[in-house]
Amino acid sequence: MLGNWQKGAIEAKIQITVTKNSVVYNIAGATVTYLYEKPGGTTGTWTATIDNAATGITSYTTTSASDLDTVGRWEVQAKVVLGGGTLYTVKDSFNVMDNVS
């Protein structure tokens, strides 16, 4: 699980490390998109940034106030396009928690 965030969180950093056969995969130079599914089935995408582009170790996206708008368990998966090929990470999840009214 990737963590827990509050509904409407600003700059929550969602980070995915790409692995292949349990070894960290170098994604330097790739285009990375995060595919997500909200509770209830609505889907969408976020553009990801490669963290430390020289080594291509991880990717991340940061949220705006309108991104995490649904309470519950979200699923997310990285789509990595590199060298004419496309790979997908295993789906992972995180929780969005409601705020106290």
N, C-alpha and C. Protein backbone atom coordinates (compact mmCIF):
# COMPACT_ATOMS: atom_id res chain seq x y z
N MET A 1 0.84 -1.17 0.00
CA MET A 1 0.00 0.00 0.00
C MET A 1 0.89 1.24 0.00
N LEU A 2 0.48 2.23 -0.76
CA LEU A 2 1.27 3.44 -0.92
C LEU A 2 1.07 4.47 0.19
N GLY A 3 0.03 4.32 1.00
CA GLY A 3 -0.15 5.27 2.10
C GLY A 3 -1.59 5.72 2.25
N ASN A 4 -1.75 6.72 3.10
CA ASN A 4 -3.04 7.34 3.38
C ASN A 4 -2.92 8.84 3.21
N TRP A 5 -3.91 9.45 2.60
CA TRP A 5 -3.96 10.90 2.45
C TRP A 5 -5.36 11.39 2.79
N GLN A 6 -5.44 12.64 3.15
CA GLN A 6 -6.73 13.27 3.44
C GLN A 6 -7.39 13.73 2.15
N LYS A 7 -8.70 13.70 2.13
CA LYS A 7 -9.46 14.22 0.99
C LYS A 7 -9.04 15.67 0.74
N GLY A 8 -8.76 15.99 -0.52
CA GLY A 8 -8.36 17.35 -0.90
C GLY A 8 -6.91 17.69 -0.62
N ALA A 9 -6.09 16.69 -0.26
CA ALA A 9 -4.69 16.95 0.07
C ALA A 9 -3.97 17.64 -1.09
N ILE A 10 -3.21 18.65 -0.76
CA ILE A 10 -2.41 19.39 -1.75
C ILE A 10 -0.97 18.90 -1.66
N GLU A 11 -0.39 18.58 -2.79
CA GLU A 11 0.98 18.12 -2.91
C GLU A 11 1.26 16.81 -2.18
N ALA A 12 0.26 15.93 -2.13
CA ALA A 12 0.52 14.56 -1.66
C ALA A 12 1.41 13.92 -2.73
N LYS A 13 2.51 13.31 -2.32
CA LYS A 13 3.45 12.72 -3.28
C LYS A 13 3.17 11.23 -3.39
N ILE A 14 2.67 10.83 -4.53
CA ILE A 14 2.40 9.42 -4.82
C ILE A 14 3.58 8.92 -5.64
N GLN A 15 4.30 7.95 -5.10
CA GLN A 15 5.56 7.51 -5.70
C GLN A 15 5.53 6.01 -5.98
N ILE A 16 5.98 5.65 -7.18
CA ILE A 16 6.05 4.25 -7.58
C ILE A 16 7.46 3.94 -8.09
N THR A 17 8.02 2.85 -7.59
CA THR A 17 9.30 2.35 -8.08
C THR A 17 9.00 1.20 -9.03
N VAL A 18 9.54 1.28 -10.23
CA VAL A 18 9.30 0.26 -11.24
C VAL A 18 10.31 -0.87 -11.04
N THR A 19 9.80 -2.09 -10.94
CA THR A 19 10.68 -3.26 -10.81
C THR A 19 10.36 -4.27 -11.90
N LYS A 20 11.36 -5.05 -12.23
CA LYS A 20 11.20 -6.14 -13.18
C LYS A 20 11.93 -7.33 -12.58
N ASN A 21 11.19 -8.42 -12.36
CA ASN A 21 11.75 -9.61 -11.70
C ASN A 21 12.38 -9.26 -10.35
N SER A 22 11.68 -8.39 -9.60
CA SER A 22 12.09 -7.96 -8.25
C SER A 22 13.35 -7.10 -8.22
N VAL A 23 13.79 -6.61 -9.38
CA VAL A 23 14.95 -5.73 -9.46
C VAL A 23 14.48 -4.37 -9.93
N VAL A 24 14.99 -3.29 -9.30
CA VAL A 24 14.62 -1.94 -9.71
C VAL A 24 15.01 -1.73 -11.16
N TYR A 25 14.06 -1.23 -11.95
CA TYR A 25 14.23 -1.05 -13.38
C TYR A 25 14.54 0.42 -13.67
N ASN A 26 15.58 0.70 -14.44
CA ASN A 26 15.96 2.06 -14.77
C ASN A 26 14.99 2.62 -15.82
N ILE A 27 14.28 3.67 -15.45
CA ILE A 27 13.29 4.27 -16.36
C ILE A 27 13.73 5.65 -16.85
N ALA A 28 15.01 5.98 -16.72
CA ALA A 28 15.52 7.26 -17.22
C ALA A 28 15.17 7.40 -18.70
N GLY A 29 14.62 8.54 -19.08
CA GLY A 29 14.25 8.80 -20.46
C GLY A 29 12.87 8.31 -20.84
N ALA A 30 12.17 7.67 -19.92
CA ALA A 30 10.83 7.14 -20.21
C ALA A 30 9.76 8.23 -20.04
N THR A 31 8.61 7.95 -20.59
CA THR A 31 7.41 8.73 -20.32
C THR A 31 6.56 7.89 -19.38
N VAL A 32 6.23 8.46 -18.23
CA VAL A 32 5.49 7.71 -17.21
C VAL A 32 4.16 8.38 -16.94
N THR A 33 3.11 7.58 -16.99
CA THR A 33 1.76 8.03 -16.69
C THR A 33 1.20 7.13 -15.59
N TYR A 34 0.53 7.73 -14.61
CA TYR A 34 -0.14 6.93 -13.58
C TYR A 34 -1.60 6.78 -13.97
N LEU A 35 -2.06 5.55 -14.02
CA LEU A 35 -3.45 5.24 -14.27
C LEU A 35 -4.09 4.97 -12.92
N TYR A 36 -5.21 5.63 -12.63
CA TYR A 36 -5.84 5.41 -11.33
C TYR A 36 -7.30 5.06 -11.47
N GLU A 37 -7.81 4.39 -10.44
CA GLU A 37 -9.24 4.07 -10.35
C GLU A 37 -9.70 4.48 -8.96
N LYS A 38 -10.70 5.34 -8.93
CA LYS A 38 -11.28 5.80 -7.67
C LYS A 38 -12.26 4.75 -7.14
N PRO A 39 -12.58 4.83 -5.86
CA PRO A 39 -13.66 3.98 -5.36
C PRO A 39 -14.92 4.26 -6.18
N GLY A 40 -15.60 3.27 -6.59
CA GLY A 40 -16.78 3.46 -7.43
C GLY A 40 -16.49 3.27 -8.91
N GLY A 41 -15.19 3.19 -9.30
CA GLY A 41 -14.87 2.82 -10.67
C GLY A 41 -14.45 3.92 -11.62
N THR A 42 -14.55 5.19 -11.24
CA THR A 42 -14.10 6.26 -12.14
C THR A 42 -12.60 6.16 -12.34
N THR A 43 -12.15 6.28 -13.59
CA THR A 43 -10.72 6.17 -13.89
C THR A 43 -10.18 7.48 -14.44
N GLY A 44 -8.86 7.60 -14.40
CA GLY A 44 -8.20 8.79 -14.93
C GLY A 44 -6.71 8.58 -14.98
N THR A 45 -5.98 9.64 -15.33
CA THR A 45 -4.53 9.57 -15.43
C THR A 45 -3.88 10.79 -14.80
N TRP A 46 -2.67 10.60 -14.33
CA TRP A 46 -1.80 11.69 -13.88
C TRP A 46 -0.47 11.55 -14.60
N THR A 47 0.14 12.66 -14.96
CA THR A 47 1.49 12.64 -15.51
C THR A 47 2.47 12.49 -14.36
N ALA A 48 3.43 11.61 -14.52
CA ALA A 48 4.43 11.39 -13.47
C ALA A 48 5.77 11.99 -13.88
N THR A 49 6.56 12.30 -12.89
CA THR A 49 7.91 12.82 -13.07
C THR A 49 8.89 11.74 -12.65
N ILE A 50 9.98 11.60 -13.38
CA ILE A 50 11.01 10.65 -12.98
C ILE A 50 11.89 11.34 -11.94
N ASP A 51 11.94 10.75 -10.76
CA ASP A 51 12.72 11.28 -9.66
C ASP A 51 14.18 10.90 -9.88
N ASN A 52 15.06 11.88 -9.78
CA ASN A 52 16.48 11.66 -10.03
C ASN A 52 16.67 11.07 -11.42
N ALA A 53 16.34 11.85 -12.42
CA ALA A 53 16.31 11.39 -13.81
C ALA A 53 17.62 10.74 -14.27
N ALA A 54 18.73 11.09 -13.65
CA ALA A 54 20.00 10.50 -14.06
C ALA A 54 20.04 9.00 -13.80
N THR A 55 19.45 8.56 -12.69
CA THR A 55 19.47 7.14 -12.36
C THR A 55 18.15 6.44 -12.67
N GLY A 56 17.07 7.21 -12.88
CA GLY A 56 15.80 6.63 -13.26
C GLY A 56 15.26 5.64 -12.26
N ILE A 57 15.41 5.94 -10.97
CA ILE A 57 15.03 4.99 -9.93
C ILE A 57 13.53 4.95 -9.69
N THR A 58 12.88 6.08 -9.48
CA THR A 58 11.46 6.10 -9.15
C THR A 58 10.73 7.16 -9.96
N SER A 59 9.42 7.11 -9.89
CA SER A 59 8.59 8.14 -10.50
C SER A 59 7.59 8.61 -9.45
N TYR A 60 7.06 9.82 -9.64
CA TYR A 60 6.09 10.33 -8.68
C TYR A 60 5.18 11.34 -9.34
N THR A 61 4.07 11.60 -8.69
CA THR A 61 3.18 12.70 -9.05
C THR A 61 2.76 13.37 -7.76
N THR A 62 2.45 14.65 -7.83
CA THR A 62 1.94 15.34 -6.66
C THR A 62 0.53 15.83 -6.97
N THR A 63 -0.32 15.81 -5.98
CA THR A 63 -1.73 16.10 -6.19
C THR A 63 -2.05 17.58 -5.99
N SER A 64 -3.13 17.99 -6.64
CA SER A 64 -3.71 19.31 -6.39
C SER A 64 -4.96 19.10 -5.53
N ALA A 65 -5.56 20.18 -5.07
CA ALA A 65 -6.68 20.09 -4.15
C ALA A 65 -7.86 19.31 -4.72
N SER A 66 -8.03 19.31 -6.03
CA SER A 66 -9.19 18.64 -6.63
C SER A 66 -8.93 17.17 -6.99
N ASP A 67 -7.69 16.70 -6.87
CA ASP A 67 -7.37 15.33 -7.30
C ASP A 67 -7.96 14.27 -6.38
N LEU A 68 -7.68 14.35 -5.10
CA LEU A 68 -8.13 13.33 -4.14
C LEU A 68 -9.50 13.73 -3.60
N ASP A 69 -10.51 13.54 -4.42
CA ASP A 69 -11.85 14.05 -4.11
C ASP A 69 -12.84 12.99 -3.65
N THR A 70 -12.42 11.74 -3.58
CA THR A 70 -13.32 10.65 -3.22
C THR A 70 -12.70 9.83 -2.09
N VAL A 71 -13.46 9.67 -1.01
CA VAL A 71 -13.00 8.90 0.14
C VAL A 71 -13.05 7.41 -0.19
N GLY A 72 -12.02 6.68 0.24
CA GLY A 72 -11.98 5.23 0.05
C GLY A 72 -10.66 4.78 -0.52
N ARG A 73 -10.64 3.53 -0.94
CA ARG A 73 -9.41 2.91 -1.47
C ARG A 73 -9.29 3.17 -2.97
N TRP A 74 -8.19 3.73 -3.38
CA TRP A 74 -7.88 3.99 -4.78
C TRP A 74 -6.86 2.96 -5.25
N GLU A 75 -6.89 2.62 -6.54
CA GLU A 75 -5.87 1.78 -7.14
C GLU A 75 -5.09 2.61 -8.14
N VAL A 76 -3.79 2.35 -8.23
CA VAL A 76 -2.94 3.11 -9.14
C VAL A 76 -1.90 2.16 -9.75
N GLN A 77 -1.53 2.47 -10.98
CA GLN A 77 -0.57 1.65 -11.72
C GLN A 77 0.22 2.58 -12.62
N ALA A 78 1.54 2.36 -12.72
CA ALA A 78 2.36 3.16 -13.62
C ALA A 78 2.41 2.52 -15.01
N LYS A 79 2.25 3.36 -16.02
CA LYS A 79 2.44 2.95 -17.42
C LYS A 79 3.73 3.62 -17.86
N VAL A 80 4.71 2.82 -18.27
CA VAL A 80 6.03 3.31 -18.63
C VAL A 80 6.29 3.04 -20.11
N VAL A 81 6.52 4.11 -20.87
CA VAL A 81 6.84 3.98 -22.29
C VAL A 81 8.32 4.32 -22.44
N LEU A 82 9.11 3.34 -22.90
CA LEU A 82 10.55 3.50 -22.99
C LEU A 82 11.08 2.72 -24.18
N GLY A 83 11.79 3.40 -25.06
CA GLY A 83 12.43 2.73 -26.19
C GLY A 83 11.46 2.01 -27.10
N GLY A 84 10.29 2.57 -27.32
CA GLY A 84 9.32 1.95 -28.21
C GLY A 84 8.49 0.85 -27.58
N GLY A 85 8.77 0.51 -26.33
CA GLY A 85 7.99 -0.51 -25.63
C GLY A 85 7.21 0.10 -24.48
N THR A 86 6.21 -0.62 -24.02
CA THR A 86 5.39 -0.17 -22.91
C THR A 86 5.33 -1.26 -21.86
N LEU A 87 5.51 -0.87 -20.60
CA LEU A 87 5.33 -1.81 -19.52
C LEU A 87 4.46 -1.19 -18.45
N TYR A 88 3.81 -2.03 -17.69
CA TYR A 88 2.91 -1.60 -16.62
C TYR A 88 3.38 -2.21 -15.31
N THR A 89 3.33 -1.43 -14.25
CA THR A 89 3.66 -1.98 -12.94
C THR A 89 2.46 -2.77 -12.42
N VAL A 90 2.69 -3.52 -11.38
CA VAL A 90 1.61 -4.19 -10.67
C VAL A 90 0.75 -3.10 -10.02
N LYS A 91 -0.56 -3.29 -9.98
CA LYS A 91 -1.43 -2.31 -9.35
C LYS A 91 -1.12 -2.23 -7.86
N ASP A 92 -1.16 -1.01 -7.33
CA ASP A 92 -0.99 -0.78 -5.90
C ASP A 92 -2.18 0.07 -5.45
N SER A 93 -2.25 0.37 -4.17
CA SER A 93 -3.41 1.12 -3.67
C SER A 93 -3.00 2.12 -2.60
N PHE A 94 -3.89 3.06 -2.35
CA PHE A 94 -3.76 3.99 -1.23
C PHE A 94 -5.16 4.37 -0.78
N ASN A 95 -5.25 4.90 0.42
CA ASN A 95 -6.54 5.31 0.98
C ASN A 95 -6.65 6.82 1.03
N VAL A 96 -7.84 7.31 0.72
CA VAL A 96 -8.17 8.71 0.92
C VAL A 96 -9.15 8.76 2.07
N MET A 97 -8.78 9.50 3.10
CA MET A 97 -9.56 9.59 4.32
C MET A 97 -10.37 10.87 4.34
N ASP A 98 -11.56 10.81 4.95
CA ASP A 98 -12.41 11.99 5.07
C ASP A 98 -11.87 12.92 6.15
N ASN A 99 -12.18 14.18 6.03
CA ASN A 99 -11.80 15.17 7.04
C ASN A 99 -12.91 15.27 8.10
N VAL A 100 -12.54 15.66 9.30
CA VAL A 100 -13.51 15.88 10.36
C VAL A 100 -14.32 17.12 10.02
N SER A 101 -15.61 17.01 10.08
CA SER A 101 -16.47 18.16 9.73
C SER A 101 -16.61 19.11 10.89
